[in-house]
Amino acid sequence: MTMNALTPAAAELSDPVHGWSEPDRFWTLANTSEVTPGILTALDWSVWDNFELAVRAAWCQLGIMQPDEVHLPSDPNLRQTYVFYGRHALNVDYVRDFMGAVPGASPNDFERDVCGTVRPDMQDGKGSPRRVPAMLVKLPRVFRRNSSELERSYSEMVDWWRRDVLHGVGSDDPLADLHEAARRFRETMTLHIRTRTFPQGVQGALVGMADKAGRGDLSLTVFSAYGEVSESALADDMWALGREQLTMAEFLERHGYYGPDEGMVWTSSWREDQTPLLALARSMAARPTHELGSRATSAREARLDAEAQLLATMGPLKRKLARFLFSQAGQQVRNLELGKASYHIALDGCRAAARRVGADLVARGFVDDPEDVFFLTIDELGAPPTHVRELVEFRRARRLEYHSVELPMTFYGVPEPVPAPEYDPNITELVGIGASGGVVEGRARLAGDADEDELFEDGDILVCRITNPSWTPLFTLVEAVVIDIGSTASHGAIVARELGVPCVINTGNGTRAIRTGDRIRVDGTAGIVTILERFADAADRSDL
């Protein structure tokens, strides 16, 4: 696809959400599509550009990077993420090279975890010892204080959000409030990235321990169902809201920063629009309360049994290490979800401030619609260009073009847009990653977003491209989950294991191969989805 050429009068127009790359640079949308599930606007990218600095700062705090490496490179080939056709992409080659300099890390393992496979003839290595001294000093220190820092940060973020966003309008300078919210996003994302390091390490150690004991079948079960995860409370409160045991004001006080596509700034949170929230609450209220906790209880019992089986294979010293890992696994999973909640709070602060800036731009005669604010960068908001209306219209038109195309999941250089895959009724099996054990059969239900008004039926299996925190209540309404994109450390996989819901993730094209009404079997242990029977009217459905 070729974007429309600029006219001479529009030569100064720019598009900050479509970049460039060296032709042999390898990129993927797999991980980034989970956190930014849509087409980024100029303002989205202004905020998410902080992600690069956040990752570098986190790695510096862990001793993985040097202080002089904490900066924002002007060359996208030297960055971890960049943006093409409005999509946020991960620079696989850059991170591979970096992993080759981290002791104990494996570039091939990284690529396999992110992309599902490793390109042929890729050289692997276990990392250089050069960074070991700094990591030995910094990493244990950060590990000891990480949980307490995360809890303090989350508490402070909630207080700020309730005061300045939910119940207030911040200061009399909305642009300054936007900068402040973006700063909070960078800081909470730094803490979240730092936090992600520890559950990955614990999970890797548990997998290795189970494999050495000849019980690799237990590796996922012992990393499941710890309870007290923040998003489990969201599901409980959603049920209480639907049953009128919790008022809307009380619910928003706890969870109002979530909403459809909450990883994007341009969307609307539940604080602003309760329509999708009410649809979810109605579905939740239709279920008896005992169903919400029974699977989670069964999953916890399965984990305790798996722990006992694994311990029985070990001597005294290994049992001591295993018990330490078991205790840490639960803490780190809870920390991971708390960190995610913290940066989503910051994004809602950006959202609120941006809409106030938009209203101010309308009052000052720069734009006609407050929502035009999302087509300008933070820097442009500080000094709107003279051709601001033309610039906004140009970027709106580009956004429509980006919506009309799809990108391959992995690509070299600047990607070539591809036609949307056609529905293929001849596909009978999909292979992904077994993310939460169990085997169930049921009716497939595709979900384009968590705001669909149709109630879920008993026996439904959710099939979706990605998940985000606002989708958590859906997991309590279905028998299993099939997800196009992700890994065992992804949000959907973690929540599925916490709630005891079988899950296959990283199918790649589940939402294109399956239609609502198809009868399918989900094997969350083997990572296989089988299409048992096609729904007669599936081709006529438009669930996407």
Foldseek 3Di string as FASTA:
>chain_A
DDDDDDDPVCVVFDAQQADWDDQFFKKFLFPVCQLQVAFAFQAQCLLCLLLQLLLQVLCVLLLLDPPVVRDRDPHCQQTQWGHRLRGIMGRLVNVLVSQQADAQGWSQVVCCQAVVHGDPPDDIDRHDCPSVVSNVPRNVVCVVCLLVVLVVLLVVLLVCCVVCPLPHPHDPQLLVLLVVLSVQLSNLSSSLSNLLVPLVVLLVVLCVLCVVLVRNLLSLLLLFALDPALLLVLLVVLQCCLVVVADPVRSCSRAQLDDWSLSHLLDHTCSGPVLLSNLLSVLSPVDDPVLQQPLSVVSVVSNVVSLVVSLVSDDDVVNVVSVVSSVVSSSSLSSNSSSQVSSSSSSSSSNSSQLVLLVVCCVVPNDPGSSLSSNDYSVCSVPPDPCNHVNSVVSVVSSVVSVQFDFDRMRGIRTDTDHDDAADQVDFKFFFALQAADKDKAFEDEAPISRDNDHDDPRYEYEYAYDDSVCLSVLSNYQAYEYQHRGNSGPVSRSCRNRNHTYAYNSNQRVRHAFGGFMWMGGSSRNMIGGDGHDPCRVVDDND
